[in-house]
Amino acid sequence: MKFAEYYHLSTGWNGTDFTGPKEPIPMCGSDGVLYLDGRLSLPNLQNVAAAHAKQLNEQLGKGIVGYRICAGPRLTQSYPLSEYVSISTGT
């Protein structure tokens, strides 16, 4: 199984207030994962994941800032196939 794991920014909570750094963290729920066609190459998997993230951001305002392509027999036993990719800069 191959999937994209999406990230959004943390709240910046530092234990006292919300002035801490806002860092990318994995999203929770069904919008945080996109199951992908395992026959595709890594660049094509990344194209599909980026297009889906853009669609979610434009239509639903999800605030996705990046993603990572992963694989494994199940979500809890997965490993990364790619590094974290920022949606805004593509790096």
PDB file of N, CA and C in Angstrom:
ATOM      1  N   MET A   1       0.851  -1.173   0.000  1.00  0.00           N
ATOM      2  CA  MET A   1       0.000   0.000   0.000  1.00  0.00           C
ATOM      3  C   MET A   1       0.897   1.236   0.000  1.00  0.00           C
ATOM      4  N   LYS A   2       0.552   2.184  -0.846  1.00  0.00           N
ATOM      5  CA  LYS A   2       1.256   3.469  -0.873  1.00  0.00           C
ATOM      6  C   LYS A   2       0.252   4.581  -0.612  1.00  0.00           C
ATOM      7  N   PHE A   3       0.690   5.592   0.104  1.00  0.00           N
ATOM      8  CA  PHE A   3      -0.209   6.689   0.445  1.00  0.00           C
ATOM      9  C   PHE A   3       0.572   7.971   0.672  1.00  0.00           C
ATOM     10  N   ALA A   4      -0.143   9.080   0.581  1.00  0.00           N
ATOM     11  CA  ALA A   4       0.423  10.389   0.900  1.00  0.00           C
ATOM     12  C   ALA A   4      -0.032  10.761   2.306  1.00  0.00           C
ATOM     13  N   GLU A   5       0.895  11.207   3.120  1.00  0.00           N
ATOM     14  CA  GLU A   5       0.595  11.686   4.472  1.00  0.00           C
ATOM     15  C   GLU A   5       0.692  13.208   4.435  1.00  0.00           C
ATOM     16  N   TYR A   6      -0.425  13.886   4.694  1.00  0.00           N
ATOM     17  CA  TYR A   6      -0.462  15.346   4.600  1.00  0.00           C
ATOM     18  C   TYR A   6      -0.143  16.004   5.934  1.00  0.00           C
ATOM     19  N   TYR A   7       0.405  17.211   5.850  1.00  0.00           N
ATOM     20  CA  TYR A   7       0.806  17.995   7.025  1.00  0.00           C
ATOM     21  C   TYR A   7       0.121  19.357   7.008  1.00  0.00           C
ATOM     22  N   HIS A   8      -0.185  19.856   8.198  1.00  0.00           N
ATOM     23  CA  HIS A   8      -0.644  21.234   8.364  1.00  0.00           C
ATOM     24  C   HIS A   8       0.163  21.851   9.499  1.00  0.00           C
ATOM     25  N   LEU A   9      -0.001  23.137   9.738  1.00  0.00           N
ATOM     26  CA  LEU A   9       0.792  23.804  10.769  1.00  0.00           C
ATOM     27  C   LEU A   9       0.217  23.563  12.155  1.00  0.00           C
ATOM     28  N   SER A  10       1.113  23.418  13.127  1.00  0.00           N
ATOM     29  CA  SER A  10       0.693  23.288  14.521  1.00  0.00           C
ATOM     30  C   SER A  10       0.106  24.615  14.999  1.00  0.00           C
ATOM     31  N   THR A  11      -0.495  24.594  16.169  1.00  0.00           N
ATOM     32  CA  THR A  11      -1.146  25.798  16.694  1.00  0.00           C
ATOM     33  C   THR A  11      -0.163  26.798  17.295  1.00  0.00           C
ATOM     34  N   GLY A  12       1.050  26.353  17.588  1.00  0.00           N
ATOM     35  CA  GLY A  12       2.016  27.238  18.221  1.00  0.00           C
ATOM     36  C   GLY A  12       1.904  27.237  19.741  1.00  0.00           C
ATOM     37  N   TRP A  13       1.171  26.282  20.295  1.00  0.00           N
ATOM     38  CA  TRP A  13       1.006  26.205  21.755  1.00  0.00           C
ATOM     39  C   TRP A  13       2.339  25.869  22.389  1.00  0.00           C
ATOM     40  N   ASN A  14       2.766  26.674  23.357  1.00  0.00           N
ATOM     41  CA  ASN A  14       4.053  26.462  24.023  1.00  0.00           C
ATOM     42  C   ASN A  14       3.895  26.101  25.496  1.00  0.00           C
ATOM     43  N   GLY A  15       2.691  25.768  25.924  1.00  0.00           N
ATOM     44  CA  GLY A  15       2.434  25.420  27.320  1.00  0.00           C
ATOM     45  C   GLY A  15       1.786  26.552  28.091  1.00  0.00           C
ATOM     46  N   THR A  16       1.864  27.761  27.579  1.00  0.00           N
ATOM     47  CA  THR A  16       1.282  28.929  28.231  1.00  0.00           C
ATOM     48  C   THR A  16       0.314  29.651  27.306  1.00  0.00           C
ATOM     49  N   ASP A  17       0.741  29.881  26.082  1.00  0.00           N
ATOM     50  CA  ASP A  17      -0.105  30.566  25.104  1.00  0.00           C
ATOM     51  C   ASP A  17       0.259  30.067  23.696  1.00  0.00           C
ATOM     52  N   PHE A  18      -0.272  30.700  22.692  1.00  0.00           N
ATOM     53  CA  PHE A  18      -0.073  30.250  21.313  1.00  0.00           C
ATOM     54  C   PHE A  18       0.990  31.054  20.567  1.00  0.00           C
ATOM     55  N   THR A  19       2.033  31.492  21.256  1.00  0.00           N
ATOM     56  CA  THR A  19       3.073  32.302  20.619  1.00  0.00           C
ATOM     57  C   THR A  19       4.284  31.482  20.196  1.00  0.00           C
ATOM     58  N   GLY A  20       4.239  30.178  20.384  1.00  0.00           N
ATOM     59  CA  GLY A  20       5.358  29.316  20.002  1.00  0.00           C
ATOM     60  C   GLY A  20       5.458  29.162  18.492  1.00  0.00           C
ATOM     61  N   PRO A  21       6.481  28.466  18.041  1.00  0.00           N
ATOM     62  CA  PRO A  21       6.654  28.266  16.594  1.00  0.00           C
ATOM     63  C   PRO A  21       5.569  27.368  16.019  1.00  0.00           C
ATOM     64  N   LYS A  22       5.125  27.695  14.830  1.00  0.00           N
ATOM     65  CA  LYS A  22       4.143  26.875  14.127  1.00  0.00           C
ATOM     66  C   LYS A  22       4.893  25.992  13.147  1.00  0.00           C
ATOM     67  N   GLU A  23       4.909  24.696  13.418  1.00  0.00           N
ATOM     68  CA  GLU A  23       5.667  23.742  12.625  1.00  0.00           C
ATOM     69  C   GLU A  23       4.736  22.768  11.928  1.00  0.00           C
ATOM     70  N   PRO A  24       5.150  22.199  10.792  1.00  0.00           N
ATOM     71  CA  PRO A  24       4.320  21.205  10.114  1.00  0.00           C
ATOM     72  C   PRO A  24       4.176  19.936  10.961  1.00  0.00           C
ATOM     73  N   ILE A  25       2.951  19.487  11.126  1.00  0.00           N
ATOM     74  CA  ILE A  25       2.664  18.244  11.846  1.00  0.00           C
ATOM     75  C   ILE A  25       1.672  17.427  11.011  1.00  0.00           C
ATOM     76  N   PRO A  26       1.668  16.092  11.154  1.00  0.00           N
ATOM     77  CA  PRO A  26       0.731  15.272  10.390  1.00  0.00           C
ATOM     78  C   PRO A  26      -0.714  15.615  10.716  1.00  0.00           C
ATOM     79  N   MET A  27      -1.548  15.624   9.692  1.00  0.00           N
ATOM     80  CA  MET A  27      -2.980  15.876   9.878  1.00  0.00           C
ATOM     81  C   MET A  27      -3.643  14.624  10.446  1.00  0.00           C
ATOM     82  N   CYS A  28      -4.718  14.821  11.162  1.00  0.00           N
ATOM     83  CA  CYS A  28      -5.511  13.712  11.687  1.00  0.00           C
ATOM     84  C   CYS A  28      -6.739  13.500  10.800  1.00  0.00           C
ATOM     85  N   GLY A  29      -7.305  12.318  10.865  1.00  0.00           N
ATOM     86  CA  GLY A  29      -8.550  12.047  10.160  1.00  0.00           C
ATOM     87  C   GLY A  29      -8.354  11.635   8.717  1.00  0.00           C
ATOM     88  N   SER A  30      -9.474  11.475   8.031  1.00  0.00           N
ATOM     89  CA  SER A  30      -9.452  10.949   6.672  1.00  0.00           C
ATOM     90  C   SER A  30      -8.811  11.901   5.670  1.00  0.00           C
ATOM     91  N   ASP A  31      -8.826  13.193   5.912  1.00  0.00           N
ATOM     92  CA  ASP A  31      -8.192  14.138   4.986  1.00  0.00           C
ATOM     93  C   ASP A  31      -6.674  14.151   5.120  1.00  0.00           C
ATOM     94  N   GLY A  32      -6.130  13.496   6.137  1.00  0.00           N
ATOM     95  CA  GLY A  32      -4.694  13.461   6.353  1.00  0.00           C
ATOM     96  C   GLY A  32      -3.970  12.403   5.539  1.00  0.00           C
ATOM     97  N   VAL A  33      -4.734  11.514   4.878  1.00  0.00           N
ATOM     98  CA  VAL A  33      -4.140  10.414   4.114  1.00  0.00           C
ATOM     99  C   VAL A  33      -4.838  10.294   2.771  1.00  0.00           C
ATOM    100  N   LEU A  34      -4.056  10.078   1.722  1.00  0.00           N
ATOM    101  CA  LEU A  34      -4.601   9.796   0.396  1.00  0.00           C
ATOM    102  C   LEU A  34      -3.982   8.494  -0.080  1.00  0.00           C
ATOM    103  N   TYR A  35      -4.817   7.456  -0.267  1.00  0.00           N
ATOM    104  CA  TYR A  35      -4.332   6.181  -0.779  1.00  0.00           C
ATOM    105  C   TYR A  35      -4.006   6.335  -2.255  1.00  0.00           C
ATOM    106  N   LEU A  36      -2.855   5.798  -2.670  1.00  0.00           N
ATOM    107  CA  LEU A  36      -2.358   6.003  -4.020  1.00  0.00           C
ATOM    108  C   LEU A  36      -2.228   4.669  -4.768  1.00  0.00           C
ATOM    109  N   ASP A  37      -2.194   4.759  -6.080  1.00  0.00           N
ATOM    110  CA  ASP A  37      -2.012   3.602  -6.952  1.00  0.00           C
ATOM    111  C   ASP A  37      -0.544   3.167  -6.878  1.00  0.00           C
ATOM    112  N   GLY A  38      -0.295   2.000  -6.340  1.00  0.00           N
ATOM    113  CA  GLY A  38       1.056   1.513  -6.136  1.00  0.00           C
ATOM    114  C   GLY A  38       1.837   1.249  -7.405  1.00  0.00           C
ATOM    115  N   ARG A  39       1.190   1.249  -8.546  1.00  0.00           N
ATOM    116  CA  ARG A  39       1.880   1.008  -9.819  1.00  0.00           C
ATOM    117  C   ARG A  39       2.580   2.257 -10.338  1.00  0.00           C
ATOM    118  N   LEU A  40       2.254   3.429  -9.779  1.00  0.00           N
ATOM    119  CA  LEU A  40       2.833   4.686 -10.251  1.00  0.00           C
ATOM    120  C   LEU A  40       4.260   4.859  -9.752  1.00  0.00           C
ATOM    121  N   SER A  41       5.064   5.595 -10.516  1.00  0.00           N
ATOM    122  CA  SER A  41       6.427   5.936 -10.094  1.00  0.00           C
ATOM    123  C   SER A  41       6.358   6.998  -8.998  1.00  0.00           C
ATOM    124  N   LEU A  42       7.462   7.161  -8.275  1.00  0.00           N
ATOM    125  CA  LEU A  42       7.489   8.148  -7.195  1.00  0.00           C
ATOM    126  C   LEU A  42       7.172   9.562  -7.689  1.00  0.00           C
ATOM    127  N   PRO A  43       7.749  10.023  -8.811  1.00  0.00           N
ATOM    128  CA  PRO A  43       7.382  11.369  -9.285  1.00  0.00           C
ATOM    129  C   PRO A  43       5.886  11.498  -9.600  1.00  0.00           C
ATOM    130  N   ASN A  44       5.287  10.453 -10.159  1.00  0.00           N
ATOM    131  CA  ASN A  44       3.846  10.505 -10.444  1.00  0.00           C
ATOM    132  C   ASN A  44       3.025  10.462  -9.167  1.00  0.00           C
ATOM    133  N   LEU A  45       3.476   9.699  -8.172  1.00  0.00           N
ATOM    134  CA  LEU A  45       2.793   9.686  -6.877  1.00  0.00           C
ATOM    135  C   LEU A  45       2.811  11.084  -6.271  1.00  0.00           C
ATOM    136  N   GLN A  46       3.947  11.763  -6.376  1.00  0.00           N
ATOM    137  CA  GLN A  46       4.068  13.114  -5.833  1.00  0.00           C
ATOM    138  C   GLN A  46       3.178  14.097  -6.585  1.00  0.00           C
ATOM    139  N   ASN A  47       3.058  13.932  -7.894  1.00  0.00           N
ATOM    140  CA  ASN A  47       2.162  14.803  -8.677  1.00  0.00           C
ATOM    141  C   ASN A  47       0.719  14.632  -8.245  1.00  0.00           C
ATOM    142  N   VAL A  48       0.301  13.383  -8.044  1.00  0.00           N
ATOM    143  CA  VAL A  48      -1.083  13.112  -7.607  1.00  0.00           C
ATOM    144  C   VAL A  48      -1.315  13.704  -6.213  1.00  0.00           C
ATOM    145  N   ALA A  49      -0.369  13.490  -5.302  1.00  0.00           N
ATOM    146  CA  ALA A  49      -0.509  13.994  -3.933  1.00  0.00           C
ATOM    147  C   ALA A  49      -0.566  15.522  -3.904  1.00  0.00           C
ATOM    148  N   ALA A  50       0.286  16.183  -4.696  1.00  0.00           N
ATOM    149  CA  ALA A  50       0.299  17.647  -4.727  1.00  0.00           C
ATOM    150  C   ALA A  50      -0.992  18.201  -5.316  1.00  0.00           C
ATOM    151  N   ALA A  51      -1.497  17.566  -6.382  1.00  0.00           N
ATOM    152  CA  ALA A  51      -2.749  18.027  -6.995  1.00  0.00           C
ATOM    153  C   ALA A  51      -3.922  17.860  -6.042  1.00  0.00           C
ATOM    154  N   HIS A  52      -3.947  16.754  -5.302  1.00  0.00           N
ATOM    155  CA  HIS A  52      -5.041  16.527  -4.351  1.00  0.00           C
ATOM    156  C   HIS A  52      -4.971  17.524  -3.196  1.00  0.00           C
ATOM    157  N   ALA A  53      -3.758  17.813  -2.718  1.00  0.00           N
ATOM    158  CA  ALA A  53      -3.589  18.802  -1.649  1.00  0.00           C
ATOM    159  C   ALA A  53      -4.055  20.176  -2.109  1.00  0.00           C
ATOM    160  N   LYS A  54      -3.699  20.540  -3.327  1.00  0.00           N
ATOM    161  CA  LYS A  54      -4.125  21.833  -3.870  1.00  0.00           C
ATOM    162  C   LYS A  54      -5.644  21.909  -3.944  1.00  0.00           C
ATOM    163  N   GLN A  55      -6.271  20.826  -4.386  1.00  0.00           N
ATOM    164  CA  GLN A  55      -7.735  20.788  -4.473  1.00  0.00           C
ATOM    165  C   GLN A  55      -8.378  20.928  -3.093  1.00  0.00           C
ATOM    166  N   LEU A  56      -7.860  20.209  -2.100  1.00  0.00           N
ATOM    167  CA  LEU A  56      -8.409  20.310  -0.745  1.00  0.00           C
ATOM    168  C   LEU A  56      -8.241  21.716  -0.186  1.00  0.00           C
ATOM    169  N   ASN A  57      -7.094  22.332  -0.440  1.00  0.00           N
ATOM    170  CA  ASN A  57      -6.846  23.692   0.047  1.00  0.00           C
ATOM    171  C   ASN A  57      -7.773  24.704  -0.620  1.00  0.00           C
ATOM    172  N   GLU A  58      -7.943  24.592  -1.938  1.00  0.00           N
ATOM    173  CA  GLU A  58      -8.765  25.563  -2.663  1.00  0.00           C
ATOM    174  C   GLU A  58     -10.250  25.405  -2.364  1.00  0.00           C
ATOM    175  N   GLN A  59     -10.728  24.176  -2.333  1.00  0.00           N
ATOM    176  CA  GLN A  59     -12.165  23.949  -2.193  1.00  0.00           C
ATOM    177  C   GLN A  59     -12.639  23.917  -0.750  1.00  0.00           C
ATOM    178  N   LEU A  60     -11.788  23.408   0.150  1.00  0.00           N
ATOM    179  CA  LEU A  60     -12.223  23.239   1.535  1.00  0.00           C
ATOM    180  C   LEU A  60     -11.403  24.011   2.553  1.00  0.00           C
ATOM    181  N   GLY A  61     -10.358  24.692   2.105  1.00  0.00           N
ATOM    182  CA  GLY A  61      -9.533  25.477   3.022  1.00  0.00           C
ATOM    183  C   GLY A  61      -8.861  24.650   4.097  1.00  0.00           C
ATOM    184  N   LYS A  62      -8.296  23.503   3.729  1.00  0.00           N
ATOM    185  CA  LYS A  62      -7.719  22.578   4.714  1.00  0.00           C
ATOM    186  C   LYS A  62      -6.401  23.052   5.309  1.00  0.00           C
ATOM    187  N   GLY A  63      -5.696  23.934   4.670  1.00  0.00           N
ATOM    188  CA  GLY A  63      -4.442  24.438   5.228  1.00  0.00           C
ATOM    189  C   GLY A  63      -3.289  23.453   5.135  1.00  0.00           C
ATOM    190  N   ILE A  64      -3.294  22.609   4.119  1.00  0.00           N
ATOM    191  CA  ILE A  64      -2.213  21.644   3.934  1.00  0.00           C
ATOM    192  C   ILE A  64      -0.965  22.395   3.482  1.00  0.00           C
ATOM    193  N   VAL A  65       0.162  22.163   4.171  1.00  0.00           N
ATOM    194  CA  VAL A  65       1.412  22.853   3.844  1.00  0.00           C
ATOM    195  C   VAL A  65       2.456  21.917   3.250  1.00  0.00           C
ATOM    196  N   GLY A  66       2.218  20.599   3.308  1.00  0.00           N
ATOM    197  CA  GLY A  66       3.182  19.664   2.760  1.00  0.00           C
ATOM    198  C   GLY A  66       2.686  18.241   2.823  1.00  0.00           C
ATOM    199  N   TYR A  67       3.505  17.335   2.310  1.00  0.00           N
ATOM    200  CA  TYR A  67       3.150  15.913   2.315  1.00  0.00           C
ATOM    201  C   TYR A  67       4.412  15.068   2.255  1.00  0.00           C
ATOM    202  N   ARG A  68       4.220  13.784   2.491  1.00  0.00           N
ATOM    203  CA  ARG A  68       5.286  12.798   2.375  1.00  0.00           C
ATOM    204  C   ARG A  68       4.659  11.529   1.817  1.00  0.00           C
ATOM    205  N   ILE A  69       5.312  10.878   0.879  1.00  0.00           N
ATOM    206  CA  ILE A  69       4.825   9.625   0.320  1.00  0.00           C
ATOM    207  C   ILE A  69       5.371   8.487   1.181  1.00  0.00           C
ATOM    208  N   CYS A  70       4.475   7.584   1.590  1.00  0.00           N
ATOM    209  CA  CYS A  70       4.847   6.455   2.444  1.00  0.00           C
ATOM    210  C   CYS A  70       4.331   5.154   1.850  1.00  0.00           C
ATOM    211  N   ALA A  71       4.865   4.039   2.337  1.00  0.00           N
ATOM    212  CA  ALA A  71       4.414   2.711   1.913  1.00  0.00           C
ATOM    213  C   ALA A  71       4.504   1.769   3.097  1.00  0.00           C
ATOM    214  N   GLY A  72       3.743   0.697   3.021  1.00  0.00           N
ATOM    215  CA  GLY A  72       3.792  -0.320   4.063  1.00  0.00           C
ATOM    216  C   GLY A  72       2.544  -1.177   4.031  1.00  0.00           C
ATOM    217  N   PRO A  73       2.521  -2.238   4.822  1.00  0.00           N
ATOM    218  CA  PRO A  73       1.360  -3.120   4.836  1.00  0.00           C
ATOM    219  C   PRO A  73       0.123  -2.482   5.475  1.00  0.00           C
ATOM    220  N   ARG A  74       0.338  -1.488   6.338  1.00  0.00           N
ATOM    221  CA  ARG A  74      -0.764  -0.743   6.965  1.00  0.00           C
ATOM    222  C   ARG A  74      -0.249   0.612   7.421  1.00  0.00           C
ATOM    223  N   LEU A  75      -1.147   1.501   7.771  1.00  0.00           N
ATOM    224  CA  LEU A  75      -0.747   2.864   8.145  1.00  0.00           C
ATOM    225  C   LEU A  75       0.194   2.885   9.348  1.00  0.00           C
ATOM    226  N   THR A  76      -0.038   1.993  10.301  1.00  0.00           N
ATOM    227  CA  THR A  76       0.776   1.981  11.522  1.00  0.00           C
ATOM    228  C   THR A  76       2.122   1.306  11.337  1.00  0.00           C
ATOM    229  N   GLN A  77       2.329   0.644  10.202  1.00  0.00           N
ATOM    230  CA  GLN A  77       3.604  -0.018   9.924  1.00  0.00           C
ATOM    231  C   GLN A  77       4.142   0.462   8.579  1.00  0.00           C
ATOM    232  N   SER A  78       4.264   1.750   8.429  1.00  0.00           N
ATOM    233  CA  SER A  78       4.695   2.315   7.151  1.00  0.00           C
ATOM    234  C   SER A  78       6.090   2.924   7.273  1.00  0.00           C
ATOM    235  N   TYR A  79       6.671   3.188   6.134  1.00  0.00           N
ATOM    236  CA  TYR A  79       7.983   3.811   6.060  1.00  0.00           C
ATOM    237  C   TYR A  79       7.944   4.853   4.945  1.00  0.00           C
ATOM    238  N   PRO A  80       8.731   5.914   5.060  1.00  0.00           N
ATOM    239  CA  PRO A  80       8.693   6.975   4.046  1.00  0.00           C
ATOM    240  C   PRO A  80       9.399   6.560   2.753  1.00  0.00           C
ATOM    241  N   LEU A  81       8.791   6.895   1.617  1.00  0.00           N
ATOM    242  CA  LEU A  81       9.420   6.724   0.309  1.00  0.00           C
ATOM    243  C   LEU A  81      10.036   8.030  -0.163  1.00  0.00           C
ATOM    244  N   SER A  82       9.565   9.145   0.399  1.00  0.00           N
ATOM    245  CA  SER A  82      10.090  10.454   0.013  1.00  0.00           C
ATOM    246  C   SER A  82      10.309  11.294   1.259  1.00  0.00           C
ATOM    247  N   GLU A  83      11.061  12.333   1.089  1.00  0.00           N
ATOM    248  CA  GLU A  83      11.224  13.324   2.147  1.00  0.00           C
ATOM    249  C   GLU A  83       9.959  14.175   2.220  1.00  0.00           C
ATOM    250  N   TYR A  84       9.860  14.994   3.248  1.00  0.00           N
ATOM    251  CA  TYR A  84       8.769  15.959   3.359  1.00  0.00           C
ATOM    252  C   TYR A  84       8.865  16.932   2.182  1.00  0.00           C
ATOM    253  N   VAL A  85       7.740  17.169   1.524  1.00  0.00           N
ATOM    254  CA  VAL A  85       7.684  18.088   0.390  1.00  0.00           C
ATOM    255  C   VAL A  85       6.751  19.233   0.756  1.00  0.00           C
ATOM    256  N   SER A  86       7.257  20.447   0.737  1.00  0.00           N
ATOM    257  CA  SER A  86       6.436  21.619   1.037  1.00  0.00           C
ATOM    258  C   SER A  86       5.568  21.967  -0.167  1.00  0.00           C
ATOM    259  N   ILE A  87       4.293  22.231   0.074  1.00  0.00           N
ATOM    260  CA  ILE A  87       3.377  22.574  -1.009  1.00  0.00           C
ATOM    261  C   ILE A  87       3.700  23.959  -1.555  1.00  0.00           C
ATOM    262  N   SER A  88       4.041  24.888  -0.684  1.00  0.00           N
ATOM    263  CA  SER A  88       4.242  26.276  -1.108  1.00  0.00           C
ATOM    264  C   SER A  88       5.516  26.454  -1.934  1.00  0.00           C
ATOM    265  N   THR A  89       6.594  25.734  -1.585  1.00  0.00           N
ATOM    266  CA  THR A  89       7.859  25.938  -2.279  1.00  0.00           C
ATOM    267  C   THR A  89       8.254  24.758  -3.159  1.00  0.00           C
ATOM    268  N   GLY A  90       7.629  23.594  -2.941  1.00  0.00           N
ATOM    269  CA  GLY A  90       7.962  22.416  -3.719  1.00  0.00           C
ATOM    270  C   GLY A  90       9.284  21.770  -3.343  1.00  0.00           C
ATOM    271  N   THR A  91       9.832  22.124  -2.173  1.00  0.00           N
ATOM    272  CA  THR A  91      11.106  21.546  -1.752  1.00  0.00           C
ATOM    273  C   THR A  91      10.902  20.597  -0.590  1.00  0.00           C
TER     274      THR A  91
END
